[in-house]
Amino acid sequence: MEQILKDNPKDVRFVYRYFPLISIHDKAALAVQAAQSAGAQGKFWEMHDLLFQKQSEWASLSVADFQTWLLDHAEGLSLDKVKFTTELTSQANITLAKKAWDENSAIGLPGTPFLVINGNIWPSNVPLNYDNIVAVIKLTTLAKREFSTCPPMTIDSTKSYAAILHTSKGDITMALYADKAPIAVNSFIFLAHNGWFDNVMFHRVIPGSVAQAGDPSGTGFGTPGYAFDNEISTDLKFDGPGVVGMANAGPGSNGSQFFITYTALPSLDGNYTIFGKVIAGLDVAEKLTPRDPSQGSNLPAGDLILSVTIEEK
């Protein structure tokens, strides 16, 4: 959590709540009292960190010995030892610890750690780790930019459109099939004009398969807030490199994510909308940094789409 706060200073506020598991930990209440007493002198997090970092030292102590341990370490945190000693076992702090246990037990909190993000309880089947929490933060932040409905149709299907992706590796120019996939092309152009793709990385680049982008969160789960159906043309196939298709999670789930093929992928035919073709810069696409999200964390930084220029003829 400390690293998350450092990495997301503008997007995250961390609120800590006490839930001392008194029924199974004999020193849980005293740990709360210690943190609260240190907090009265502006040293809550210092005491919090000390308790975690040195847990092996005090976990097996008796309650009385733990109290002595706390007093011995108070000076090391530059606390007023007399004030800390008085407040550590004050009735107010004893009551606070007991109340935290009683109230959280009453509402059914299952244990610790217990995380709630913007009112949503962290799912028990999702690992509580840095990568997953950051992904939720990015998606939550992205939601502020989402649109409520599909954009109105503004393109002319009789005209020719091209999109130039200005990437950190060079330009990639795509001819857009306004006549074959007007909804997808209209959406792409709408999003491009609204800066949706600016500074967005190719979050999934699989050599010999596809390069995928269009999600500002970089998680692979981001959407523009709306979705639309597939537009399948029987005369368009994923028959070679440079075919541009809409990424989806099934019928009716097209949004902003798209991909460029590196080779023929006939298994995709009929399941994904083809809405364009790379007509220049395929070599740039082929130089994009490989990045496979299915391999977990420690992925290389993805190459960015710096901006998108739309040409109409």
C-alpha atoms as a PDB file:
ATOM      1  CA  MET A   1       0.000   0.000   0.000  1.00  0.00           C
ATOM      2  CA  GLU A   2       2.916   2.321   0.684  1.00  0.00           C
ATOM      3  CA  GLN A   3       4.191   1.760  -2.861  1.00  0.00           C
ATOM      4  CA  ILE A   4       0.708   2.277  -4.310  1.00  0.00           C
ATOM      5  CA  LEU A   5       0.435   5.633  -2.556  1.00  0.00           C
ATOM      6  CA  LYS A   6       3.842   6.669  -3.897  1.00  0.00           C
ATOM      7  CA  ASP A   7       2.939   5.600  -7.445  1.00  0.00           C
ATOM      8  CA  ASN A   8      -0.564   7.125  -7.481  1.00  0.00           C
ATOM      9  CA  PRO A   9      -0.390  10.310  -5.381  1.00  0.00           C
ATOM     10  CA  LYS A  10      -3.197  12.074  -7.238  1.00  0.00           C
ATOM     11  CA  ASP A  11      -5.613   9.171  -7.491  1.00  0.00           C
ATOM     12  CA  VAL A  12      -5.476   7.338  -4.170  1.00  0.00           C
ATOM     13  CA  ARG A  13      -6.416   8.238  -0.616  1.00  0.00           C
ATOM     14  CA  PHE A  14      -5.824   5.483   1.911  1.00  0.00           C
ATOM     15  CA  VAL A  15      -8.080   5.291   4.954  1.00  0.00           C
ATOM     16  CA  TYR A  16      -7.013   2.874   7.678  1.00  0.00           C
ATOM     17  CA  ARG A  17      -9.618   1.307   9.983  1.00  0.00           C
ATOM     18  CA  TYR A  18      -8.934  -0.728  13.100  1.00  0.00           C
ATOM     19  CA  PHE A  19     -10.156  -4.298  13.320  1.00  0.00           C
ATOM     20  CA  PRO A  20      -8.275  -5.968  16.180  1.00  0.00           C
ATOM     21  CA  LEU A  21      -8.969  -9.713  16.084  1.00  0.00           C
ATOM     22  CA  ILE A  22      -9.323  -9.912  19.838  1.00  0.00           C
ATOM     23  CA  SER A  23     -10.856 -13.383  19.802  1.00  0.00           C
ATOM     24  CA  ILE A  24      -7.701 -14.991  18.414  1.00  0.00           C
ATOM     25  CA  HIS A  25      -4.881 -12.530  19.191  1.00  0.00           C
ATOM     26  CA  ASP A  26      -4.333 -11.649  22.828  1.00  0.00           C
ATOM     27  CA  LYS A  27      -2.300  -8.525  22.009  1.00  0.00           C
ATOM     28  CA  ALA A  28      -4.515  -7.178  19.217  1.00  0.00           C
ATOM     29  CA  ALA A  29      -6.262  -4.622  21.415  1.00  0.00           C
ATOM     30  CA  LEU A  30      -2.994  -3.352  22.882  1.00  0.00           C
ATOM     31  CA  ALA A  31      -1.553  -2.951  19.374  1.00  0.00           C
ATOM     32  CA  VAL A  32      -4.502  -0.704  18.497  1.00  0.00           C
ATOM     33  CA  GLN A  33      -3.996   1.262  21.687  1.00  0.00           C
ATOM     34  CA  ALA A  34      -0.314   1.705  20.852  1.00  0.00           C
ATOM     35  CA  ALA A  35      -1.031   2.965  17.328  1.00  0.00           C
ATOM     36  CA  GLN A  36      -3.719   5.316  18.611  1.00  0.00           C
ATOM     37  CA  SER A  37      -1.442   6.649  21.357  1.00  0.00           C
ATOM     38  CA  ALA A  38       1.399   7.230  18.893  1.00  0.00           C
ATOM     39  CA  GLY A  39      -1.076   8.876  16.534  1.00  0.00           C
ATOM     40  CA  ALA A  40      -1.920  11.415  19.210  1.00  0.00           C
ATOM     41  CA  GLN A  41       1.678  12.591  18.804  1.00  0.00           C
ATOM     42  CA  GLY A  42       1.593  12.473  15.000  1.00  0.00           C
ATOM     43  CA  LYS A  43       3.361   9.095  14.803  1.00  0.00           C
ATOM     44  CA  PHE A  44       0.560   6.682  13.835  1.00  0.00           C
ATOM     45  CA  TRP A  45       2.242   5.313  10.708  1.00  0.00           C
ATOM     46  CA  GLU A  46       5.611   5.071  12.419  1.00  0.00           C
ATOM     47  CA  MET A  47       4.088   2.874  15.129  1.00  0.00           C
ATOM     48  CA  HIS A  48       2.040   0.987  12.528  1.00  0.00           C
ATOM     49  CA  ASP A  49       5.196   0.161  10.554  1.00  0.00           C
ATOM     50  CA  LEU A  50       7.165  -0.733  13.672  1.00  0.00           C
ATOM     51  CA  LEU A  51       4.514  -3.231  14.767  1.00  0.00           C
ATOM     52  CA  PHE A  52       4.530  -4.946  11.375  1.00  0.00           C
ATOM     53  CA  GLN A  53       8.280  -4.909  10.831  1.00  0.00           C
ATOM     54  CA  LYS A  54       9.090  -6.287  14.275  1.00  0.00           C
ATOM     55  CA  GLN A  55       6.101  -8.579  14.720  1.00  0.00           C
ATOM     56  CA  SER A  56       8.381 -11.593  15.166  1.00  0.00           C
ATOM     57  CA  GLU A  57       9.855  -9.918  18.249  1.00  0.00           C
ATOM     58  CA  TRP A  58       6.612  -9.392  20.130  1.00  0.00           C
ATOM     59  CA  ALA A  59       4.160 -11.969  18.755  1.00  0.00           C
ATOM     60  CA  SER A  60       5.052 -14.573  21.368  1.00  0.00           C
ATOM     61  CA  LEU A  61       5.300 -12.167  24.308  1.00  0.00           C
ATOM     62  CA  SER A  62       2.745 -11.998  27.075  1.00  0.00           C
ATOM     63  CA  VAL A  63       0.470  -8.944  27.123  1.00  0.00           C
ATOM     64  CA  ALA A  64       2.477  -7.489  30.023  1.00  0.00           C
ATOM     65  CA  ASP A  65       5.789  -8.047  28.246  1.00  0.00           C
ATOM     66  CA  PHE A  66       4.372  -6.590  25.043  1.00  0.00           C
ATOM     67  CA  GLN A  67       3.420  -3.456  26.952  1.00  0.00           C
ATOM     68  CA  THR A  68       6.983  -3.198  28.216  1.00  0.00           C
ATOM     69  CA  TRP A  69       8.266  -3.754  24.666  1.00  0.00           C
ATOM     70  CA  LEU A  70       6.094  -0.869  23.417  1.00  0.00           C
ATOM     71  CA  LEU A  71       7.359   1.472  26.093  1.00  0.00           C
ATOM     72  CA  ASP A  72      10.959   0.539  25.314  1.00  0.00           C
ATOM     73  CA  HIS A  73      10.432   1.379  21.626  1.00  0.00           C
ATOM     74  CA  ALA A  74       8.500   4.612  22.226  1.00  0.00           C
ATOM     75  CA  GLU A  75      11.627   6.688  22.613  1.00  0.00           C
ATOM     76  CA  GLY A  76      13.035   5.256  19.392  1.00  0.00           C
ATOM     77  CA  LEU A  77      10.082   6.851  17.600  1.00  0.00           C
ATOM     78  CA  SER A  78      10.816  10.183  19.332  1.00  0.00           C
ATOM     79  CA  LEU A  79       7.580   9.923  21.309  1.00  0.00           C
ATOM     80  CA  ASP A  80       6.995  11.660  24.610  1.00  0.00           C
ATOM     81  CA  LYS A  81       7.301   8.515  26.706  1.00  0.00           C
ATOM     82  CA  VAL A  82       5.352   9.845  29.667  1.00  0.00           C
ATOM     83  CA  LYS A  83       2.421  10.898  27.500  1.00  0.00           C
ATOM     84  CA  PHE A  84       2.569   7.653  25.515  1.00  0.00           C
ATOM     85  CA  THR A  85       2.610   5.581  28.723  1.00  0.00           C
ATOM     86  CA  THR A  86      -0.449   7.404  30.061  1.00  0.00           C
ATOM     87  CA  GLU A  87      -2.486   7.090  26.872  1.00  0.00           C
ATOM     88  CA  LEU A  88      -1.486   3.495  26.071  1.00  0.00           C
ATOM     89  CA  THR A  89      -3.795   2.050  28.733  1.00  0.00           C
ATOM     90  CA  SER A  90      -6.230   4.942  29.014  1.00  0.00           C
ATOM     91  CA  GLN A  91      -9.880   4.002  29.242  1.00  0.00           C
ATOM     92  CA  ALA A  92     -10.588   5.941  26.056  1.00  0.00           C
ATOM     93  CA  ASN A  93      -8.154   3.833  24.009  1.00  0.00           C
ATOM     94  CA  ILE A  94      -9.245   0.587  25.653  1.00  0.00           C
ATOM     95  CA  THR A  95     -12.842   1.448  24.751  1.00  0.00           C
ATOM     96  CA  LEU A  96     -11.825   2.399  21.198  1.00  0.00           C
ATOM     97  CA  ALA A  97     -10.139  -0.975  20.579  1.00  0.00           C
ATOM     98  CA  LYS A  98     -13.069  -2.918  22.018  1.00  0.00           C
ATOM     99  CA  LYS A  99     -15.568  -0.889  19.983  1.00  0.00           C
ATOM    100  CA  ALA A 100     -13.603  -1.533  16.763  1.00  0.00           C
ATOM    101  CA  TRP A 101     -13.777  -5.275  17.418  1.00  0.00           C
ATOM    102  CA  ASP A 102     -17.460  -5.287  18.400  1.00  0.00           C
ATOM    103  CA  GLU A 103     -18.728  -3.128  15.529  1.00  0.00           C
ATOM    104  CA  ASN A 104     -16.752  -4.831  12.773  1.00  0.00           C
ATOM    105  CA  SER A 105     -17.651  -8.274  14.094  1.00  0.00           C
ATOM    106  CA  ALA A 106     -21.314  -7.264  14.163  1.00  0.00           C
ATOM    107  CA  ILE A 107     -21.334  -6.338  10.462  1.00  0.00           C
ATOM    108  CA  GLY A 108     -19.583  -9.566   9.518  1.00  0.00           C
ATOM    109  CA  LEU A 109     -16.084  -8.511   8.503  1.00  0.00           C
ATOM    110  CA  PRO A 110     -14.330 -11.828   7.827  1.00  0.00           C
ATOM    111  CA  GLY A 111     -10.863 -10.804   8.972  1.00  0.00           C
ATOM    112  CA  THR A 112      -7.828  -8.820   7.909  1.00  0.00           C
ATOM    113  CA  PRO A 113      -6.677  -7.545   5.531  1.00  0.00           C
ATOM    114  CA  PHE A 114     -10.076  -6.326   4.345  1.00  0.00           C
ATOM    115  CA  LEU A 115     -10.126  -3.839   1.498  1.00  0.00           C
ATOM    116  CA  VAL A 116     -12.952  -1.633   0.245  1.00  0.00           C
ATOM    117  CA  ILE A 117     -12.407   0.545  -2.834  1.00  0.00           C
ATOM    118  CA  ASN A 118     -14.953   3.303  -3.454  1.00  0.00           C
ATOM    119  CA  GLY A 119     -17.562   1.337  -1.516  1.00  0.00           C
ATOM    120  CA  ASN A 120     -16.861  -1.966  -3.269  1.00  0.00           C
ATOM    121  CA  ILE A 121     -15.567  -4.891  -1.216  1.00  0.00           C
ATOM    122  CA  TRP A 122     -12.497  -6.578  -2.676  1.00  0.00           C
ATOM    123  CA  PRO A 123     -13.626  -9.979  -4.087  1.00  0.00           C
ATOM    124  CA  SER A 124     -12.428 -12.911  -2.018  1.00  0.00           C
ATOM    125  CA  ASN A 125     -11.473 -14.858  -5.165  1.00  0.00           C
ATOM    126  CA  VAL A 126      -9.097 -12.166  -6.479  1.00  0.00           C
ATOM    127  CA  PRO A 127      -5.556 -12.110  -5.038  1.00  0.00           C
ATOM    128  CA  LEU A 128      -4.948  -8.975  -2.995  1.00  0.00           C
ATOM    129  CA  ASN A 129      -1.639  -7.820  -4.459  1.00  0.00           C
ATOM    130  CA  TYR A 130       0.001  -4.736  -5.938  1.00  0.00           C
ATOM    131  CA  ASP A 131      -0.739  -5.487  -9.601  1.00  0.00           C
ATOM    132  CA  ASN A 132      -4.418  -6.218  -9.037  1.00  0.00           C
ATOM    133  CA  ILE A 133      -4.986  -3.174  -6.837  1.00  0.00           C
ATOM    134  CA  VAL A 134      -3.258  -0.896  -9.354  1.00  0.00           C
ATOM    135  CA  ALA A 135      -5.393  -2.359 -12.150  1.00  0.00           C
ATOM    136  CA  VAL A 136      -8.550  -1.470 -10.218  1.00  0.00           C
ATOM    137  CA  ILE A 137      -7.216   2.028  -9.569  1.00  0.00           C
ATOM    138  CA  LYS A 138      -6.540   2.545 -13.270  1.00  0.00           C
ATOM    139  CA  LEU A 139      -9.974   1.258 -14.273  1.00  0.00           C
ATOM    140  CA  THR A 140     -11.670   3.383 -11.622  1.00  0.00           C
ATOM    141  CA  THR A 141      -9.795   6.447 -12.853  1.00  0.00           C
ATOM    142  CA  LEU A 142     -10.653   5.603 -16.465  1.00  0.00           C
ATOM    143  CA  ALA A 143     -14.361   5.527 -15.583  1.00  0.00           C
ATOM    144  CA  LYS A 144     -14.231   9.304 -15.146  1.00  0.00           C
ATOM    145  CA  ARG A 145     -13.423   9.620 -18.847  1.00  0.00           C
ATOM    146  CA  GLU A 146     -15.989   7.157 -20.157  1.00  0.00           C
ATOM    147  CA  PHE A 147     -18.930   8.092 -22.366  1.00  0.00           C
ATOM    148  CA  SER A 148     -22.494   7.128 -21.511  1.00  0.00           C
ATOM    149  CA  THR A 149     -23.640   6.150 -25.027  1.00  0.00           C
ATOM    150  CA  CYS A 150     -22.284   5.247 -28.441  1.00  0.00           C
ATOM    151  CA  PRO A 151     -21.416   8.362 -30.436  1.00  0.00           C
ATOM    152  CA  PRO A 152     -23.868   9.581 -33.083  1.00  0.00           C
ATOM    153  CA  MET A 153     -23.048   8.570 -36.644  1.00  0.00           C
ATOM    154  CA  THR A 154     -21.048  11.437 -38.147  1.00  0.00           C
ATOM    155  CA  ILE A 155     -18.927   9.760 -40.820  1.00  0.00           C
ATOM    156  CA  ASP A 156     -19.870   9.505 -44.483  1.00  0.00           C
ATOM    157  CA  SER A 157     -19.563   5.879 -45.579  1.00  0.00           C
ATOM    158  CA  THR A 158     -18.958   7.017 -49.160  1.00  0.00           C
ATOM    159  CA  LYS A 159     -15.753   8.828 -48.173  1.00  0.00           C
ATOM    160  CA  SER A 160     -12.277   7.460 -47.509  1.00  0.00           C
ATOM    161  CA  TYR A 161     -10.769   7.692 -44.030  1.00  0.00           C
ATOM    162  CA  ALA A 162      -7.317   6.928 -42.729  1.00  0.00           C
ATOM    163  CA  ALA A 163      -5.875   6.969 -39.220  1.00  0.00           C
ATOM    164  CA  ILE A 164      -2.213   7.726 -38.577  1.00  0.00           C
ATOM    165  CA  LEU A 165      -1.021   6.348 -35.264  1.00  0.00           C
ATOM    166  CA  HIS A 166       1.918   8.452 -34.140  1.00  0.00           C
ATOM    167  CA  THR A 167       3.699   5.970 -31.880  1.00  0.00           C
ATOM    168  CA  SER A 168       6.910   6.061 -29.851  1.00  0.00           C
ATOM    169  CA  LYS A 169       8.408   3.755 -32.512  1.00  0.00           C
ATOM    170  CA  GLY A 170       7.175   5.708 -35.552  1.00  0.00           C
ATOM    171  CA  ASP A 171       3.975   6.177 -37.580  1.00  0.00           C
ATOM    172  CA  ILE A 172       1.506   3.467 -38.505  1.00  0.00           C
ATOM    173  CA  THR A 173      -1.097   4.413 -41.120  1.00  0.00           C
ATOM    174  CA  MET A 174      -4.355   2.479 -41.317  1.00  0.00           C
ATOM    175  CA  ALA A 175      -6.983   2.733 -44.040  1.00  0.00           C
ATOM    176  CA  LEU A 176     -10.420   2.580 -42.366  1.00  0.00           C
ATOM    177  CA  TYR A 177     -13.306   0.656 -43.927  1.00  0.00           C
ATOM    178  CA  ALA A 178     -16.150   3.119 -43.403  1.00  0.00           C
ATOM    179  CA  ASP A 179     -18.309   1.263 -45.919  1.00  0.00           C
ATOM    180  CA  LYS A 180     -17.777  -2.186 -44.360  1.00  0.00           C
ATOM    181  CA  ALA A 181     -17.755  -1.351 -40.641  1.00  0.00           C
ATOM    182  CA  PRO A 182     -19.300   2.109 -40.226  1.00  0.00           C
ATOM    183  CA  ILE A 183     -20.082   1.731 -36.503  1.00  0.00           C
ATOM    184  CA  ALA A 184     -16.531   0.677 -35.640  1.00  0.00           C
ATOM    185  CA  VAL A 185     -14.946   3.351 -37.835  1.00  0.00           C
ATOM    186  CA  ASN A 186     -17.277   6.045 -36.529  1.00  0.00           C
ATOM    187  CA  SER A 187     -16.449   5.049 -32.955  1.00  0.00           C
ATOM    188  CA  PHE A 188     -12.695   4.953 -33.634  1.00  0.00           C
ATOM    189  CA  ILE A 189     -12.741   8.404 -35.220  1.00  0.00           C
ATOM    190  CA  PHE A 190     -14.899   9.796 -32.393  1.00  0.00           C
ATOM    191  CA  LEU A 191     -12.496   8.464 -29.767  1.00  0.00           C
ATOM    192  CA  ALA A 192      -9.459   9.691 -31.697  1.00  0.00           C
ATOM    193  CA  HIS A 193     -10.903  13.199 -31.927  1.00  0.00           C
ATOM    194  CA  ASN A 194     -11.501  13.126 -28.172  1.00  0.00           C
ATOM    195  CA  GLY A 195      -7.928  12.126 -27.357  1.00  0.00           C
ATOM    196  CA  TRP A 196      -8.883   8.679 -26.086  1.00  0.00           C
ATOM    197  CA  PHE A 197      -5.870   7.009 -27.694  1.00  0.00           C
ATOM    198  CA  ASP A 198      -3.316   9.682 -26.754  1.00  0.00           C
ATOM    199  CA  ASN A 199      -0.403   8.286 -24.732  1.00  0.00           C
ATOM    200  CA  VAL A 200      -2.029   4.849 -24.670  1.00  0.00           C
ATOM    201  CA  MET A 201       0.278   1.864 -24.863  1.00  0.00           C
ATOM    202  CA  PHE A 202       0.171  -1.297 -26.904  1.00  0.00           C
ATOM    203  CA  HIS A 203      -0.572  -3.357 -23.809  1.00  0.00           C
ATOM    204  CA  ARG A 204      -0.599  -6.724 -25.574  1.00  0.00           C
ATOM    205  CA  VAL A 205       1.990  -7.467 -28.253  1.00  0.00           C
ATOM    206  CA  ILE A 206       2.397 -11.119 -29.196  1.00  0.00           C
ATOM    207  CA  PRO A 207       4.938 -11.723 -32.006  1.00  0.00           C
ATOM    208  CA  GLY A 208       3.441 -13.942 -34.668  1.00  0.00           C
ATOM    209  CA  SER A 209      -0.074 -13.010 -33.563  1.00  0.00           C
ATOM    210  CA  VAL A 210      -1.283  -9.443 -32.835  1.00  0.00           C
ATOM    211  CA  ALA A 211      -0.444  -6.056 -31.347  1.00  0.00           C
ATOM    212  CA  GLN A 212      -3.345  -4.702 -29.275  1.00  0.00           C
ATOM    213  CA  ALA A 213      -4.074  -1.214 -27.919  1.00  0.00           C
ATOM    214  CA  GLY A 214      -6.947   1.171 -27.240  1.00  0.00           C
ATOM    215  CA  ASP A 215      -7.257   0.831 -23.456  1.00  0.00           C
ATOM    216  CA  PRO A 216      -6.031   3.941 -21.593  1.00  0.00           C
ATOM    217  CA  SER A 217      -5.852   1.960 -18.359  1.00  0.00           C
ATOM    218  CA  GLY A 218      -3.345  -0.430 -19.900  1.00  0.00           C
ATOM    219  CA  THR A 219      -4.998  -3.335 -18.102  1.00  0.00           C
ATOM    220  CA  GLY A 220      -6.763  -4.882 -21.087  1.00  0.00           C
ATOM    221  CA  PHE A 221     -10.132  -4.427 -19.363  1.00  0.00           C
ATOM    222  CA  GLY A 222     -10.809  -0.764 -20.130  1.00  0.00           C
ATOM    223  CA  THR A 223     -13.779   0.347 -22.211  1.00  0.00           C
ATOM    224  CA  PRO A 224     -15.038   3.734 -23.453  1.00  0.00           C
ATOM    225  CA  GLY A 225     -18.236   3.253 -21.435  1.00  0.00           C
ATOM    226  CA  TYR A 226     -20.283   1.922 -24.337  1.00  0.00           C
ATOM    227  CA  ALA A 227     -20.296  -1.195 -26.494  1.00  0.00           C
ATOM    228  CA  PHE A 228     -21.539  -2.144 -29.946  1.00  0.00           C
ATOM    229  CA  ASP A 229     -22.170  -5.222 -32.069  1.00  0.00           C
ATOM    230  CA  ASN A 230     -19.838  -6.952 -34.477  1.00  0.00           C
ATOM    231  CA  GLU A 231     -19.899  -5.925 -38.136  1.00  0.00           C
ATOM    232  CA  ILE A 232     -18.884  -9.025 -40.068  1.00  0.00           C
ATOM    233  CA  SER A 233     -18.236  -8.767 -43.806  1.00  0.00           C
ATOM    234  CA  THR A 234     -17.808 -12.131 -45.517  1.00  0.00           C
ATOM    235  CA  ASP A 235     -15.368 -10.651 -48.024  1.00  0.00           C
ATOM    236  CA  LEU A 236     -12.979  -9.440 -45.304  1.00  0.00           C
ATOM    237  CA  LYS A 237     -10.679 -11.999 -43.724  1.00  0.00           C
ATOM    238  CA  PHE A 238      -7.799 -12.081 -41.285  1.00  0.00           C
ATOM    239  CA  ASP A 239      -5.715 -13.347 -44.171  1.00  0.00           C
ATOM    240  CA  GLY A 240      -2.346 -11.748 -43.516  1.00  0.00           C
ATOM    241  CA  PRO A 241      -0.357  -9.169 -41.606  1.00  0.00           C
ATOM    242  CA  GLY A 242      -1.693  -5.649 -41.111  1.00  0.00           C
ATOM    243  CA  VAL A 243      -5.395  -6.455 -40.771  1.00  0.00           C
ATOM    244  CA  VAL A 244      -7.018  -4.178 -38.176  1.00  0.00           C
ATOM    245  CA  GLY A 245      -9.764  -5.687 -36.041  1.00  0.00           C
ATOM    246  CA  MET A 246     -11.866  -4.770 -33.024  1.00  0.00           C
ATOM    247  CA  ALA A 247     -10.975  -6.660 -29.861  1.00  0.00           C
ATOM    248  CA  ASN A 248     -13.948  -7.965 -27.920  1.00  0.00           C
ATOM    249  CA  ALA A 249     -15.002 -10.303 -25.145  1.00  0.00           C
ATOM    250  CA  GLY A 250     -17.830 -11.802 -27.172  1.00  0.00           C
ATOM    251  CA  PRO A 251     -20.678 -10.576 -29.370  1.00  0.00           C
ATOM    252  CA  GLY A 252     -21.876  -7.059 -28.579  1.00  0.00           C
ATOM    253  CA  SER A 253     -18.827  -6.097 -26.523  1.00  0.00           C
ATOM    254  CA  ASN A 254     -16.804  -3.985 -28.954  1.00  0.00           C
ATOM    255  CA  GLY A 255     -15.498  -0.782 -27.399  1.00  0.00           C
ATOM    256  CA  SER A 256     -12.190   0.998 -27.948  1.00  0.00           C
ATOM    257  CA  GLN A 257      -9.639  -1.815 -28.061  1.00  0.00           C
ATOM    258  CA  PHE A 258      -8.295  -2.853 -31.444  1.00  0.00           C
ATOM    259  CA  PHE A 259      -5.517  -5.043 -32.788  1.00  0.00           C
ATOM    260  CA  ILE A 260      -3.192  -5.310 -35.766  1.00  0.00           C
ATOM    261  CA  THR A 261      -2.348  -8.775 -37.035  1.00  0.00           C
ATOM    262  CA  TYR A 262       1.199  -9.954 -37.665  1.00  0.00           C
ATOM    263  CA  THR A 263       0.155 -12.921 -39.763  1.00  0.00           C
ATOM    264  CA  ALA A 264      -2.916 -14.654 -41.163  1.00  0.00           C
ATOM    265  CA  LEU A 265      -5.256 -15.680 -38.327  1.00  0.00           C
ATOM    266  CA  PRO A 266      -8.181 -17.488 -39.957  1.00  0.00           C
ATOM    267  CA  SER A 267      -9.479 -18.638 -36.569  1.00  0.00           C
ATOM    268  CA  LEU A 268     -10.597 -15.042 -35.960  1.00  0.00           C
ATOM    269  CA  ASP A 269     -12.754 -14.883 -39.103  1.00  0.00           C
ATOM    270  CA  GLY A 270     -16.417 -14.278 -38.339  1.00  0.00           C
ATOM    271  CA  ASN A 271     -15.811 -13.477 -34.673  1.00  0.00           C
ATOM    272  CA  TYR A 272     -14.165 -10.056 -34.845  1.00  0.00           C
ATOM    273  CA  THR A 273     -14.946  -6.918 -36.816  1.00  0.00           C
ATOM    274  CA  ILE A 274     -12.371  -6.002 -39.435  1.00  0.00           C
ATOM    275  CA  PHE A 275     -12.455  -2.238 -39.819  1.00  0.00           C
ATOM    276  CA  GLY A 276      -9.137  -1.388 -41.445  1.00  0.00           C
ATOM    277  CA  LYS A 277      -5.782  -2.305 -42.937  1.00  0.00           C
ATOM    278  CA  VAL A 278      -2.270  -1.037 -42.316  1.00  0.00           C
ATOM    279  CA  ILE A 279      -1.116   0.651 -45.532  1.00  0.00           C
ATOM    280  CA  ALA A 280       2.136   2.130 -44.201  1.00  0.00           C
ATOM    281  CA  GLY A 281       4.297   1.491 -41.175  1.00  0.00           C
ATOM    282  CA  LEU A 282       3.759  -2.239 -40.802  1.00  0.00           C
ATOM    283  CA  ASP A 283       7.485  -2.444 -40.082  1.00  0.00           C
ATOM    284  CA  VAL A 284       6.891  -0.067 -37.164  1.00  0.00           C
ATOM    285  CA  ALA A 285       4.129  -2.300 -35.827  1.00  0.00           C
ATOM    286  CA  GLU A 286       6.459  -5.278 -36.074  1.00  0.00           C
ATOM    287  CA  LYS A 287       9.053  -3.468 -33.930  1.00  0.00           C
ATOM    288  CA  LEU A 288       6.669  -2.901 -31.020  1.00  0.00           C
ATOM    289  CA  THR A 289       7.939  -4.249 -27.709  1.00  0.00           C
ATOM    290  CA  PRO A 290       6.606  -7.763 -27.037  1.00  0.00           C
ATOM    291  CA  ARG A 291       4.345  -7.772 -24.014  1.00  0.00           C
ATOM    292  CA  ASP A 292       2.141 -10.640 -22.852  1.00  0.00           C
ATOM    293  CA  PRO A 293      -0.208  -9.721 -19.948  1.00  0.00           C
ATOM    294  CA  SER A 294      -0.969 -13.401 -19.370  1.00  0.00           C
ATOM    295  CA  GLN A 295       2.570 -13.772 -18.040  1.00  0.00           C
ATOM    296  CA  GLY A 296       1.725 -11.713 -14.954  1.00  0.00           C
ATOM    297  CA  SER A 297       3.707  -8.837 -13.476  1.00  0.00           C
ATOM    298  CA  ASN A 298       7.173  -7.475 -14.280  1.00  0.00           C
ATOM    299  CA  LEU A 299       6.197  -6.787 -17.884  1.00  0.00           C
ATOM    300  CA  PRO A 300       8.213  -4.324 -19.968  1.00  0.00           C
ATOM    301  CA  ALA A 301       6.775  -0.878 -20.525  1.00  0.00           C
ATOM    302  CA  GLY A 302       4.615  -0.889 -23.637  1.00  0.00           C
ATOM    303  CA  ASP A 303       5.230   1.383 -26.618  1.00  0.00           C
ATOM    304  CA  LEU A 304       2.849   4.337 -26.738  1.00  0.00           C
ATOM    305  CA  ILE A 305       0.409   5.753 -29.241  1.00  0.00           C
ATOM    306  CA  LEU A 306       1.332   9.400 -28.735  1.00  0.00           C
ATOM    307  CA  SER A 307      -1.595  10.729 -30.755  1.00  0.00           C
ATOM    308  CA  VAL A 308      -3.844   9.858 -33.705  1.00  0.00           C
ATOM    309  CA  THR A 309      -4.452  11.923 -36.827  1.00  0.00           C
ATOM    310  CA  ILE A 310      -7.584  11.255 -38.907  1.00  0.00           C
ATOM    311  CA  GLU A 311      -7.523  12.012 -42.629  1.00  0.00           C
ATOM    312  CA  GLU A 312     -10.728  12.270 -44.672  1.00  0.00           C
ATOM    313  CA  LYS A 313     -10.996  12.307 -48.461  1.00  0.00           C
END
